[in-house]
């Protein structure tokens, strides 16, 4: 990723070191960056989130370098008067802790939503199109996975279950539930579909549990209805306060994984696509699911578009809550 400016000690370290730096950076943002009303749509370009980004092309853990980053939609926060306390104080605050950080501009982040098969298109009537990511077993039943904002996007009709349609617009099953998005602190965006027997091919995906060290610069692949099969590299971890455009407003996420590729790793229509290690084609465990993608129309962007994925472990932890009906109205 192309960083816009470096601060603090202007140095990079291991992933573990950078994760510690990111915690210090979160504190600096909390102390000196201005906050705005969640309902004030005009202030969204001035948001600042945080994360840890790989700043080298090395495939060797010993040679790889990471740094903490202040993630922004545009350069506007670096120019506005009300952000001066942060830019003036944060570098010394970080340096006192032996830390450095950089500015990373990713552009506006949009939800990645546009015959039933894994990677094929799915939608609800009157709603958004996304991707049928896969199916997982839960107890004695299995459920197909897609993004929550896809599963919940159709009009509500009292007493009638929401149906899911395939690319040929045939009814393929019923939406069981989804993780309802809040204004802030979302960690997942998951929708579950109970496929009709004739559309269930018996294939099952496994949601993995990966540590940051296992994800560092991991080559990954996904198949989505928007961009088909793409391969990229995990370059952004430990993210907080990432705003995703959702309808007329935005929802903030913690814990999203950032994935880069020479071509866009994900675009509209790819929401719900599962992401797997690129080199593991047999019995691979998913690392996450695509829920959003950055648009680099903003001047001074990070270099490549970023695909944003919810970690698989987070999805696994929320499936039971969705099935118990606890996430319609509030996320677990």
C-alpha atoms as a PDB file:
ATOM      1  CA  UNK A   1       0.000   0.000   0.000  1.00  0.00           C
ATOM      2  CA  UNK A   2       1.141   3.523  -0.745  1.00  0.00           C
ATOM      3  CA  UNK A   3       1.276   5.605   2.427  1.00  0.00           C
ATOM      4  CA  UNK A   4       0.614   9.333   2.229  1.00  0.00           C
ATOM      5  CA  UNK A   5       2.857  10.512   5.049  1.00  0.00           C
ATOM      6  CA  UNK A   6       4.871   9.081   7.934  1.00  0.00           C
ATOM      7  CA  UNK A   7       4.890  10.403  11.498  1.00  0.00           C
ATOM      8  CA  UNK A   8       6.556   9.650  14.801  1.00  0.00           C
ATOM      9  CA  UNK A   9       9.907   7.902  14.505  1.00  0.00           C
ATOM     10  CA  UNK A  10       9.441   7.103  10.807  1.00  0.00           C
ATOM     11  CA  UNK A  11      10.233   3.429  11.272  1.00  0.00           C
ATOM     12  CA  UNK A  12       8.492   0.102  10.748  1.00  0.00           C
ATOM     13  CA  UNK A  13       8.613  -3.119  12.744  1.00  0.00           C
ATOM     14  CA  UNK A  14       7.233  -6.608  13.013  1.00  0.00           C
ATOM     15  CA  UNK A  15       3.503  -7.316  12.945  1.00  0.00           C
ATOM     16  CA  UNK A  16       3.447  -7.820  16.727  1.00  0.00           C
ATOM     17  CA  UNK A  17       5.199  -4.483  17.299  1.00  0.00           C
ATOM     18  CA  UNK A  18       2.877  -2.660  14.905  1.00  0.00           C
ATOM     19  CA  UNK A  19      -0.195  -4.113  16.648  1.00  0.00           C
ATOM     20  CA  UNK A  20       1.075  -2.530  19.876  1.00  0.00           C
ATOM     21  CA  UNK A  21       1.651   0.749  18.040  1.00  0.00           C
ATOM     22  CA  UNK A  22      -1.917   0.661  16.718  1.00  0.00           C
ATOM     23  CA  UNK A  23      -3.247   0.533  20.269  1.00  0.00           C
ATOM     24  CA  UNK A  24      -1.247   3.662  21.077  1.00  0.00           C
ATOM     25  CA  UNK A  25      -2.531   5.310  17.910  1.00  0.00           C
ATOM     26  CA  UNK A  26      -6.128   4.506  18.890  1.00  0.00           C
ATOM     27  CA  UNK A  27      -5.508   6.345  22.138  1.00  0.00           C
ATOM     28  CA  UNK A  28      -4.096   9.374  20.316  1.00  0.00           C
ATOM     29  CA  UNK A  29      -7.129   9.459  18.018  1.00  0.00           C
ATOM     30  CA  UNK A  30      -9.418   9.265  21.024  1.00  0.00           C
ATOM     31  CA  UNK A  31      -7.577  12.133  22.751  1.00  0.00           C
ATOM     32  CA  UNK A  32      -7.118  14.636  19.923  1.00  0.00           C
ATOM     33  CA  UNK A  33      -9.084  13.782  16.765  1.00  0.00           C
ATOM     34  CA  UNK A  34     -12.497  15.496  16.649  1.00  0.00           C
ATOM     35  CA  UNK A  35     -15.662  13.428  16.821  1.00  0.00           C
ATOM     36  CA  UNK A  36     -18.875  14.129  14.956  1.00  0.00           C
ATOM     37  CA  UNK A  37     -22.495  13.235  15.285  1.00  0.00           C
ATOM     38  CA  UNK A  38     -23.316   9.885  13.680  1.00  0.00           C
ATOM     39  CA  UNK A  39     -26.263  11.535  11.939  1.00  0.00           C
ATOM     40  CA  UNK A  40     -24.176  14.311  10.334  1.00  0.00           C
ATOM     41  CA  UNK A  41     -23.514  12.870   6.878  1.00  0.00           C
ATOM     42  CA  UNK A  42     -21.441  15.925   5.873  1.00  0.00           C
ATOM     43  CA  UNK A  43     -18.681  14.981   8.299  1.00  0.00           C
ATOM     44  CA  UNK A  44     -18.040  11.451   7.052  1.00  0.00           C
ATOM     45  CA  UNK A  45     -15.102  12.401   4.755  1.00  0.00           C
ATOM     46  CA  UNK A  46     -13.289  13.599   7.881  1.00  0.00           C
ATOM     47  CA  UNK A  47     -13.338  10.285   9.715  1.00  0.00           C
ATOM     48  CA  UNK A  48     -10.148   8.647  10.963  1.00  0.00           C
ATOM     49  CA  UNK A  49      -9.892   4.931  11.609  1.00  0.00           C
ATOM     50  CA  UNK A  50      -6.859   2.813  12.392  1.00  0.00           C
ATOM     51  CA  UNK A  51      -5.183  -0.430  11.487  1.00  0.00           C
ATOM     52  CA  UNK A  52      -1.878  -2.170  10.825  1.00  0.00           C
ATOM     53  CA  UNK A  53      -0.550  -2.313   7.267  1.00  0.00           C
ATOM     54  CA  UNK A  54       2.221  -4.255   5.571  1.00  0.00           C
ATOM     55  CA  UNK A  55       4.724  -1.839   4.006  1.00  0.00           C
ATOM     56  CA  UNK A  56       6.961  -4.309   2.187  1.00  0.00           C
ATOM     57  CA  UNK A  57       6.650  -6.891  -0.553  1.00  0.00           C
ATOM     58  CA  UNK A  58       8.618  -9.533   1.332  1.00  0.00           C
ATOM     59  CA  UNK A  59       7.168 -13.021   1.642  1.00  0.00           C
ATOM     60  CA  UNK A  60       9.561 -13.742   4.506  1.00  0.00           C
ATOM     61  CA  UNK A  61       8.294 -13.065   7.998  1.00  0.00           C
ATOM     62  CA  UNK A  62      11.804 -12.092   9.066  1.00  0.00           C
ATOM     63  CA  UNK A  63      12.078  -9.438   6.355  1.00  0.00           C
ATOM     64  CA  UNK A  64       8.500  -8.164   6.357  1.00  0.00           C
ATOM     65  CA  UNK A  65       7.763  -4.732   7.843  1.00  0.00           C
ATOM     66  CA  UNK A  66       4.527  -3.345   9.270  1.00  0.00           C
ATOM     67  CA  UNK A  67       3.363  -0.018  10.637  1.00  0.00           C
ATOM     68  CA  UNK A  68       0.320   1.432  12.346  1.00  0.00           C
ATOM     69  CA  UNK A  69      -1.842   3.620  10.110  1.00  0.00           C
ATOM     70  CA  UNK A  70      -4.446   6.330  10.487  1.00  0.00           C
ATOM     71  CA  UNK A  71      -6.959   5.371   7.762  1.00  0.00           C
ATOM     72  CA  UNK A  72      -8.822   8.179   5.986  1.00  0.00           C
ATOM     73  CA  UNK A  73     -11.196   8.599   3.073  1.00  0.00           C
ATOM     74  CA  UNK A  74      -9.344  11.658   1.770  1.00  0.00           C
ATOM     75  CA  UNK A  75      -6.603  14.130   2.700  1.00  0.00           C
ATOM     76  CA  UNK A  76      -9.141  16.555   4.142  1.00  0.00           C
ATOM     77  CA  UNK A  77      -8.439  15.622   7.796  1.00  0.00           C
ATOM     78  CA  UNK A  78      -4.780  16.542   7.237  1.00  0.00           C
ATOM     79  CA  UNK A  79      -5.806  20.059   6.212  1.00  0.00           C
ATOM     80  CA  UNK A  80      -8.696  20.938   8.491  1.00  0.00           C
ATOM     81  CA  UNK A  81      -8.065  23.235  11.463  1.00  0.00           C
ATOM     82  CA  UNK A  82      -9.966  21.028  13.922  1.00  0.00           C
ATOM     83  CA  UNK A  83      -7.594  18.116  13.198  1.00  0.00           C
ATOM     84  CA  UNK A  84      -4.443  20.116  13.954  1.00  0.00           C
ATOM     85  CA  UNK A  85      -4.286  19.006  17.618  1.00  0.00           C
ATOM     86  CA  UNK A  86      -4.117  15.395  16.472  1.00  0.00           C
ATOM     87  CA  UNK A  87      -1.410  15.892  13.827  1.00  0.00           C
ATOM     88  CA  UNK A  88       0.572  18.186  16.160  1.00  0.00           C
ATOM     89  CA  UNK A  89       0.455  15.947  19.227  1.00  0.00           C
ATOM     90  CA  UNK A  90       0.166  12.395  17.926  1.00  0.00           C
ATOM     91  CA  UNK A  91       3.714  12.144  16.436  1.00  0.00           C
ATOM     92  CA  UNK A  92       5.404  12.996  19.741  1.00  0.00           C
ATOM     93  CA  UNK A  93       2.895  10.869  21.657  1.00  0.00           C
ATOM     94  CA  UNK A  94       3.856   7.906  19.482  1.00  0.00           C
ATOM     95  CA  UNK A  95       7.583   8.681  19.540  1.00  0.00           C
ATOM     96  CA  UNK A  96       7.541   8.749  23.344  1.00  0.00           C
ATOM     97  CA  UNK A  97       6.292   5.156  23.137  1.00  0.00           C
ATOM     98  CA  UNK A  98       8.907   4.115  20.600  1.00  0.00           C
ATOM     99  CA  UNK A  99       6.237   3.984  17.910  1.00  0.00           C
ATOM    100  CA  UNK A 100       5.584   5.411  14.471  1.00  0.00           C
ATOM    101  CA  UNK A 101       2.543   5.623  12.232  1.00  0.00           C
ATOM    102  CA  UNK A 102       1.513   6.757   8.773  1.00  0.00           C
ATOM    103  CA  UNK A 103      -1.507   8.150   6.958  1.00  0.00           C
ATOM    104  CA  UNK A 104      -3.321   5.751   4.620  1.00  0.00           C
ATOM    105  CA  UNK A 105      -5.996   7.063   2.246  1.00  0.00           C
ATOM    106  CA  UNK A 106      -8.350   4.424   0.859  1.00  0.00           C
ATOM    107  CA  UNK A 107     -11.189   6.461  -0.642  1.00  0.00           C
ATOM    108  CA  UNK A 108     -14.909   5.944   0.067  1.00  0.00           C
ATOM    109  CA  UNK A 109     -15.769   2.376   1.084  1.00  0.00           C
ATOM    110  CA  UNK A 110     -18.957   0.967  -0.409  1.00  0.00           C
ATOM    111  CA  UNK A 111     -20.890  -2.191   0.332  1.00  0.00           C
ATOM    112  CA  UNK A 112     -19.758  -4.732  -2.246  1.00  0.00           C
ATOM    113  CA  UNK A 113     -23.339  -5.750  -3.084  1.00  0.00           C
ATOM    114  CA  UNK A 114     -24.483  -6.018  -7.365  1.00  0.00           C
ATOM    115  CA  UNK A 115     -28.490 -21.344 -11.245  1.00  0.00           C
ATOM    116  CA  UNK A 116     -27.310 -21.449  -7.605  1.00  0.00           C
ATOM    117  CA  UNK A 117     -23.587 -22.041  -7.305  1.00  0.00           C
ATOM    118  CA  UNK A 118     -20.853 -20.964  -4.963  1.00  0.00           C
ATOM    119  CA  UNK A 119     -19.786 -17.543  -6.154  1.00  0.00           C
ATOM    120  CA  UNK A 120     -23.074 -17.061  -8.009  1.00  0.00           C
ATOM    121  CA  UNK A 121     -25.436 -14.134  -7.648  1.00  0.00           C
ATOM    122  CA  UNK A 122     -28.109 -14.074  -4.953  1.00  0.00           C
ATOM    123  CA  UNK A 123     -30.622 -11.462  -3.862  1.00  0.00           C
ATOM    124  CA  UNK A 124     -33.962 -10.958  -2.173  1.00  0.00           C
ATOM    125  CA  UNK A 125     -36.872  -9.433  -4.133  1.00  0.00           C
ATOM    126  CA  UNK A 126     -36.567  -5.677  -4.166  1.00  0.00           C
ATOM    127  CA  UNK A 127     -33.155  -5.828  -2.540  1.00  0.00           C
ATOM    128  CA  UNK A 128     -29.452  -5.792  -3.297  1.00  0.00           C
ATOM    129  CA  UNK A 129     -27.584  -8.365  -5.355  1.00  0.00           C
ATOM    130  CA  UNK A 130     -24.660 -10.115  -3.726  1.00  0.00           C
ATOM    131  CA  UNK A 131     -22.829 -13.430  -3.784  1.00  0.00           C
ATOM    132  CA  UNK A 132     -23.757 -16.835  -2.400  1.00  0.00           C
ATOM    133  CA  UNK A 133     -20.515 -17.450  -0.573  1.00  0.00           C
ATOM    134  CA  UNK A 134     -20.906 -21.057   0.517  1.00  0.00           C
ATOM    135  CA  UNK A 135     -22.798 -23.304   2.905  1.00  0.00           C
ATOM    136  CA  UNK A 136     -21.975 -24.350   6.449  1.00  0.00           C
ATOM    137  CA  UNK A 137     -23.315 -27.089   8.678  1.00  0.00           C
ATOM    138  CA  UNK A 138     -24.872 -26.048  11.991  1.00  0.00           C
ATOM    139  CA  UNK A 139     -26.226 -28.865  14.113  1.00  0.00           C
ATOM    140  CA  UNK A 140     -28.363 -31.075  11.901  1.00  0.00           C
ATOM    141  CA  UNK A 141     -29.028 -28.314   9.389  1.00  0.00           C
ATOM    142  CA  UNK A 142     -26.959 -26.420   6.836  1.00  0.00           C
ATOM    143  CA  UNK A 143     -27.246 -22.826   5.746  1.00  0.00           C
ATOM    144  CA  UNK A 144     -25.968 -20.868   2.774  1.00  0.00           C
ATOM    145  CA  UNK A 145     -23.948 -17.754   3.565  1.00  0.00           C
ATOM    146  CA  UNK A 146     -24.147 -14.268   2.124  1.00  0.00           C
ATOM    147  CA  UNK A 147     -23.661 -10.754   3.466  1.00  0.00           C
ATOM    148  CA  UNK A 148     -26.187  -9.515   6.015  1.00  0.00           C
ATOM    149  CA  UNK A 149     -26.865  -6.325   4.067  1.00  0.00           C
ATOM    150  CA  UNK A 150     -27.865  -8.484   1.095  1.00  0.00           C
ATOM    151  CA  UNK A 151     -30.116 -10.802   3.099  1.00  0.00           C
ATOM    152  CA  UNK A 152     -31.884  -7.922   4.869  1.00  0.00           C
ATOM    153  CA  UNK A 153     -32.247  -5.510   1.953  1.00  0.00           C
ATOM    154  CA  UNK A 154     -35.689  -6.467   0.616  1.00  0.00           C
ATOM    155  CA  UNK A 155     -39.011  -5.012   1.756  1.00  0.00           C
ATOM    156  CA  UNK A 156     -40.576  -6.600   4.832  1.00  0.00           C
ATOM    157  CA  UNK A 157     -43.918  -8.322   4.281  1.00  0.00           C
ATOM    158  CA  UNK A 158     -45.647  -9.302   7.517  1.00  0.00           C
ATOM    159  CA  UNK A 159     -46.181 -13.025   7.907  1.00  0.00           C
ATOM    160  CA  UNK A 160     -44.208 -13.945   4.790  1.00  0.00           C
ATOM    161  CA  UNK A 161     -40.644 -15.322   4.918  1.00  0.00           C
ATOM    162  CA  UNK A 162     -38.118 -13.407   2.854  1.00  0.00           C
ATOM    163  CA  UNK A 163     -37.140 -15.512  -0.152  1.00  0.00           C
ATOM    164  CA  UNK A 164     -33.740 -15.693  -1.801  1.00  0.00           C
ATOM    165  CA  UNK A 165     -33.480 -15.661  -5.586  1.00  0.00           C
ATOM    166  CA  UNK A 166     -30.692 -17.034  -7.774  1.00  0.00           C
ATOM    167  CA  UNK A 167     -29.228 -15.357 -10.836  1.00  0.00           C
ATOM    168  CA  UNK A 168     -32.007 -16.856 -12.948  1.00  0.00           C
ATOM    169  CA  UNK A 169     -34.539 -15.252 -10.567  1.00  0.00           C
ATOM    170  CA  UNK A 170     -35.857 -18.572  -9.324  1.00  0.00           C
ATOM    171  CA  UNK A 171     -36.631 -18.921  -5.645  1.00  0.00           C
ATOM    172  CA  UNK A 172     -33.764 -20.902  -4.111  1.00  0.00           C
ATOM    173  CA  UNK A 173     -34.620 -20.728  -0.412  1.00  0.00           C
ATOM    174  CA  UNK A 174     -35.676 -18.575   2.519  1.00  0.00           C
ATOM    175  CA  UNK A 175     -33.676 -16.040   4.459  1.00  0.00           C
ATOM    176  CA  UNK A 176     -33.283 -17.279   8.035  1.00  0.00           C
ATOM    177  CA  UNK A 177     -31.757 -14.161   9.544  1.00  0.00           C
ATOM    178  CA  UNK A 178     -28.926 -11.676   9.497  1.00  0.00           C
ATOM    179  CA  UNK A 179     -26.711  -9.609  11.750  1.00  0.00           C
ATOM    180  CA  UNK A 180     -28.412  -6.261  12.160  1.00  0.00           C
ATOM    181  CA  UNK A 181     -25.976  -3.375  11.646  1.00  0.00           C
ATOM    182  CA  UNK A 182     -25.634  -0.720  14.318  1.00  0.00           C
ATOM    183  CA  UNK A 183     -24.193   2.767  13.933  1.00  0.00           C
ATOM    184  CA  UNK A 184     -20.843   1.788  15.476  1.00  0.00           C
ATOM    185  CA  UNK A 185     -18.760  -1.156  16.642  1.00  0.00           C
ATOM    186  CA  UNK A 186     -20.055  -3.686  14.123  1.00  0.00           C
ATOM    187  CA  UNK A 187     -17.881  -6.771  13.829  1.00  0.00           C
ATOM    188  CA  UNK A 188     -19.840  -8.877  11.325  1.00  0.00           C
ATOM    189  CA  UNK A 189     -22.320  -8.537   8.451  1.00  0.00           C
ATOM    190  CA  UNK A 190     -23.661 -12.042   7.924  1.00  0.00           C
ATOM    191  CA  UNK A 191     -26.837 -13.411   6.340  1.00  0.00           C
ATOM    192  CA  UNK A 192     -28.096 -17.011   6.455  1.00  0.00           C
ATOM    193  CA  UNK A 193     -30.293 -18.718   3.845  1.00  0.00           C
ATOM    194  CA  UNK A 194     -32.039 -22.079   4.172  1.00  0.00           C
ATOM    195  CA  UNK A 195     -31.759 -23.492   0.659  1.00  0.00           C
ATOM    196  CA  UNK A 196     -34.536 -25.581  -0.830  1.00  0.00           C
ATOM    197  CA  UNK A 197     -33.365 -29.222  -1.216  1.00  0.00           C
ATOM    198  CA  UNK A 198     -33.177 -29.021  -4.986  1.00  0.00           C
ATOM    199  CA  UNK A 199     -30.694 -26.139  -4.776  1.00  0.00           C
ATOM    200  CA  UNK A 200     -28.423 -27.598  -2.112  1.00  0.00           C
ATOM    201  CA  UNK A 201     -25.521 -29.363  -3.827  1.00  0.00           C
ATOM    202  CA  UNK A 202     -24.222 -30.796  -0.558  1.00  0.00           C
ATOM    203  CA  UNK A 203     -20.982 -28.810  -0.610  1.00  0.00           C
ATOM    204  CA  UNK A 204     -19.889 -27.359   2.719  1.00  0.00           C
ATOM    205  CA  UNK A 205     -17.339 -24.694   3.567  1.00  0.00           C
ATOM    206  CA  UNK A 206     -15.347 -24.501   6.772  1.00  0.00           C
ATOM    207  CA  UNK A 207     -14.858 -21.179   8.531  1.00  0.00           C
ATOM    208  CA  UNK A 208     -11.336 -21.036   9.899  1.00  0.00           C
ATOM    209  CA  UNK A 209      -9.731 -19.316  12.881  1.00  0.00           C
ATOM    210  CA  UNK A 210      -6.556 -17.513  11.826  1.00  0.00           C
ATOM    211  CA  UNK A 211      -4.149 -15.485  13.956  1.00  0.00           C
ATOM    212  CA  UNK A 212      -2.741 -12.164  12.687  1.00  0.00           C
ATOM    213  CA  UNK A 213       0.591 -13.912  12.179  1.00  0.00           C
ATOM    214  CA  UNK A 214      -1.061 -16.539   9.962  1.00  0.00           C
ATOM    215  CA  UNK A 215      -2.776 -13.835   7.930  1.00  0.00           C
ATOM    216  CA  UNK A 216       0.295 -11.644   7.439  1.00  0.00           C
ATOM    217  CA  UNK A 217       0.704 -11.102   3.688  1.00  0.00           C
ATOM    218  CA  UNK A 218      -1.302 -14.285   3.023  1.00  0.00           C
ATOM    219  CA  UNK A 219      -2.144 -14.837  -0.637  1.00  0.00           C
ATOM    220  CA  UNK A 220      -5.903 -15.343  -0.871  1.00  0.00           C
ATOM    221  CA  UNK A 221      -8.605 -15.965  -3.477  1.00  0.00           C
ATOM    222  CA  UNK A 222     -12.326 -15.424  -3.731  1.00  0.00           C
ATOM    223  CA  UNK A 223     -15.040 -16.106  -6.297  1.00  0.00           C
ATOM    224  CA  UNK A 224     -17.803 -13.523  -6.429  1.00  0.00           C
ATOM    225  CA  UNK A 225     -20.688 -12.631  -8.701  1.00  0.00           C
ATOM    226  CA  UNK A 226     -19.185  -9.180  -9.362  1.00  0.00           C
ATOM    227  CA  UNK A 227     -15.555  -9.844 -10.257  1.00  0.00           C
ATOM    228  CA  UNK A 228     -15.502 -13.676 -10.505  1.00  0.00           C
ATOM    229  CA  UNK A 229     -12.264 -15.285  -9.260  1.00  0.00           C
ATOM    230  CA  UNK A 230      -9.565 -12.908  -8.046  1.00  0.00           C
ATOM    231  CA  UNK A 231      -6.328 -13.381  -6.123  1.00  0.00           C
ATOM    232  CA  UNK A 232      -4.868 -10.866  -3.695  1.00  0.00           C
ATOM    233  CA  UNK A 233      -2.759 -10.370  -0.582  1.00  0.00           C
ATOM    234  CA  UNK A 234      -3.764  -9.536   2.983  1.00  0.00           C
ATOM    235  CA  UNK A 235      -2.088  -6.203   3.743  1.00  0.00           C
ATOM    236  CA  UNK A 236      -4.266  -4.598   6.426  1.00  0.00           C
ATOM    237  CA  UNK A 237      -5.125  -6.023   9.848  1.00  0.00           C
ATOM    238  CA  UNK A 238      -6.308  -4.885  13.269  1.00  0.00           C
ATOM    239  CA  UNK A 239      -8.652  -2.255  11.870  1.00  0.00           C
ATOM    240  CA  UNK A 240     -10.986  -0.100  13.933  1.00  0.00           C
ATOM    241  CA  UNK A 241     -13.669   2.454  13.106  1.00  0.00           C
ATOM    242  CA  UNK A 242     -13.897   1.656   9.364  1.00  0.00           C
ATOM    243  CA  UNK A 243     -16.955   3.372   7.811  1.00  0.00           C
ATOM    244  CA  UNK A 244     -18.861   1.489   5.116  1.00  0.00           C
ATOM    245  CA  UNK A 245     -21.432   3.356   3.039  1.00  0.00           C
ATOM    246  CA  UNK A 246     -24.756   1.666   3.708  1.00  0.00           C
ATOM    247  CA  UNK A 247     -27.907   3.110   2.140  1.00  0.00           C
ATOM    248  CA  UNK A 248     -27.987   6.838   2.848  1.00  0.00           C
ATOM    249  CA  UNK A 249     -25.553   6.638   5.751  1.00  0.00           C
ATOM    250  CA  UNK A 250     -22.570   4.703   7.032  1.00  0.00           C
ATOM    251  CA  UNK A 251     -21.946   1.940   9.522  1.00  0.00           C
ATOM    252  CA  UNK A 252     -18.654   1.594  11.395  1.00  0.00           C
ATOM    253  CA  UNK A 253     -16.783  -1.716  11.651  1.00  0.00           C
ATOM    254  CA  UNK A 254     -13.978  -3.060  13.809  1.00  0.00           C
ATOM    255  CA  UNK A 255     -11.772  -5.987  12.828  1.00  0.00           C
ATOM    256  CA  UNK A 256     -12.122  -5.940   9.025  1.00  0.00           C
ATOM    257  CA  UNK A 257      -9.308  -7.502   6.973  1.00  0.00           C
ATOM    258  CA  UNK A 258      -7.951  -5.453   4.037  1.00  0.00           C
ATOM    259  CA  UNK A 259      -6.986  -7.310   0.838  1.00  0.00           C
ATOM    260  CA  UNK A 260      -5.151  -5.803  -2.148  1.00  0.00           C
ATOM    261  CA  UNK A 261      -4.684  -7.029  -5.708  1.00  0.00           C
ATOM    262  CA  UNK A 262      -3.309  -5.617  -8.971  1.00  0.00           C
ATOM    263  CA  UNK A 263      -6.895  -5.623 -10.217  1.00  0.00           C
ATOM    264  CA  UNK A 264      -9.760  -4.870  -7.804  1.00  0.00           C
ATOM    265  CA  UNK A 265     -10.106  -7.827  -5.450  1.00  0.00           C
ATOM    266  CA  UNK A 266     -13.809  -7.051  -4.976  1.00  0.00           C
ATOM    267  CA  UNK A 267     -16.488  -4.743  -6.343  1.00  0.00           C
ATOM    268  CA  UNK A 268     -20.256  -4.388  -6.200  1.00  0.00           C
ATOM    269  CA  UNK A 269     -21.940  -7.768  -6.347  1.00  0.00           C
ATOM    270  CA  UNK A 270     -19.167  -9.556  -4.436  1.00  0.00           C
ATOM    271  CA  UNK A 271     -20.657  -9.121  -0.956  1.00  0.00           C
ATOM    272  CA  UNK A 272     -20.946 -12.553   0.603  1.00  0.00           C
ATOM    273  CA  UNK A 273     -18.038 -14.152  -1.276  1.00  0.00           C
ATOM    274  CA  UNK A 274     -15.882 -16.313   0.979  1.00  0.00           C
ATOM    275  CA  UNK A 275     -12.121 -15.702   0.944  1.00  0.00           C
ATOM    276  CA  UNK A 276      -9.736 -18.680   1.066  1.00  0.00           C
ATOM    277  CA  UNK A 277      -5.953 -19.149   1.117  1.00  0.00           C
ATOM    278  CA  UNK A 278      -4.935 -19.010  -2.545  1.00  0.00           C
ATOM    279  CA  UNK A 279      -2.581 -21.987  -2.474  1.00  0.00           C
ATOM    280  CA  UNK A 280      -4.807 -24.347  -0.506  1.00  0.00           C
ATOM    281  CA  UNK A 281      -7.380 -25.800  -2.901  1.00  0.00           C
ATOM    282  CA  UNK A 282      -8.314 -28.920  -0.920  1.00  0.00           C
ATOM    283  CA  UNK A 283     -10.305 -28.700   2.310  1.00  0.00           C
ATOM    284  CA  UNK A 284      -9.410 -25.026   2.614  1.00  0.00           C
ATOM    285  CA  UNK A 285     -10.789 -23.094   5.558  1.00  0.00           C
ATOM    286  CA  UNK A 286     -12.172 -19.655   4.742  1.00  0.00           C
ATOM    287  CA  UNK A 287     -10.372 -16.685   6.282  1.00  0.00           C
ATOM    288  CA  UNK A 288     -13.388 -14.397   5.927  1.00  0.00           C
ATOM    289  CA  UNK A 289     -16.214 -13.009   3.800  1.00  0.00           C
ATOM    290  CA  UNK A 290     -16.276  -9.922   1.563  1.00  0.00           C
ATOM    291  CA  UNK A 291     -18.602  -7.184   2.822  1.00  0.00           C
ATOM    292  CA  UNK A 292     -17.236  -3.996   1.222  1.00  0.00           C
ATOM    293  CA  UNK A 293     -14.726  -2.527  -1.232  1.00  0.00           C
ATOM    294  CA  UNK A 294     -12.891   0.787  -1.427  1.00  0.00           C
ATOM    295  CA  UNK A 295     -13.372   3.166  -4.348  1.00  0.00           C
ATOM    296  CA  UNK A 296     -10.163   5.028  -5.077  1.00  0.00           C
ATOM    297  CA  UNK A 297     -11.707   8.083  -6.731  1.00  0.00           C
ATOM    298  CA  UNK A 298     -10.184  10.189  -3.969  1.00  0.00           C
ATOM    299  CA  UNK A 299      -7.018  12.065  -4.865  1.00  0.00           C
ATOM    300  CA  UNK A 300      -3.957  10.607  -3.184  1.00  0.00           C
ATOM    301  CA  UNK A 301      -5.295   7.100  -2.621  1.00  0.00           C
ATOM    302  CA  UNK A 302      -3.363   4.113  -1.327  1.00  0.00           C
ATOM    303  CA  UNK A 303      -2.342   2.687  -4.718  1.00  0.00           C
ATOM    304  CA  UNK A 304      -4.676  -0.284  -5.175  1.00  0.00           C
ATOM    305  CA  UNK A 305      -8.349  -0.840  -4.395  1.00  0.00           C
ATOM    306  CA  UNK A 306      -8.962  -2.608  -1.092  1.00  0.00           C
ATOM    307  CA  UNK A 307     -11.403  -5.462  -0.545  1.00  0.00           C
ATOM    308  CA  UNK A 308     -12.740  -5.616   3.022  1.00  0.00           C
ATOM    309  CA  UNK A 309     -13.616  -8.934   4.684  1.00  0.00           C
ATOM    310  CA  UNK A 310     -15.167  -9.953   7.994  1.00  0.00           C
ATOM    311  CA  UNK A 311     -12.973 -12.619   9.676  1.00  0.00           C
ATOM    312  CA  UNK A 312     -14.362 -16.145   9.484  1.00  0.00           C
ATOM    313  CA  UNK A 313     -13.933 -16.677  13.217  1.00  0.00           C
ATOM    314  CA  UNK A 314     -16.201 -13.695  13.889  1.00  0.00           C
ATOM    315  CA  UNK A 315     -18.862 -15.107  11.563  1.00  0.00           C
ATOM    316  CA  UNK A 316     -18.713 -18.507  13.286  1.00  0.00           C
ATOM    317  CA  UNK A 317     -19.305 -16.844  16.645  1.00  0.00           C
ATOM    318  CA  UNK A 318     -22.435 -15.105  15.356  1.00  0.00           C
ATOM    319  CA  UNK A 319     -24.228 -17.901  13.473  1.00  0.00           C
ATOM    320  CA  UNK A 320     -25.866 -19.284  16.612  1.00  0.00           C
ATOM    321  CA  UNK A 321     -27.041 -15.837  17.681  1.00  0.00           C
ATOM    322  CA  UNK A 322     -28.640 -15.214  14.288  1.00  0.00           C
ATOM    323  CA  UNK A 323     -30.453 -18.552  14.415  1.00  0.00           C
ATOM    324  CA  UNK A 324     -31.759 -17.722  17.872  1.00  0.00           C
ATOM    325  CA  UNK A 325     -33.126 -14.453  16.514  1.00  0.00           C
ATOM    326  CA  UNK A 326     -30.924 -12.301  18.694  1.00  0.00           C
ATOM    327  CA  UNK A 327     -29.362 -10.245  15.933  1.00  0.00           C
ATOM    328  CA  UNK A 328     -32.491  -8.853  14.319  1.00  0.00           C
ATOM    329  CA  UNK A 329     -32.463  -5.477  15.947  1.00  0.00           C
ATOM    330  CA  UNK A 330     -29.080  -5.685  17.660  1.00  0.00           C
ATOM    331  CA  UNK A 331     -25.837  -7.313  16.677  1.00  0.00           C
ATOM    332  CA  UNK A 332     -24.336  -9.958  18.914  1.00  0.00           C
END
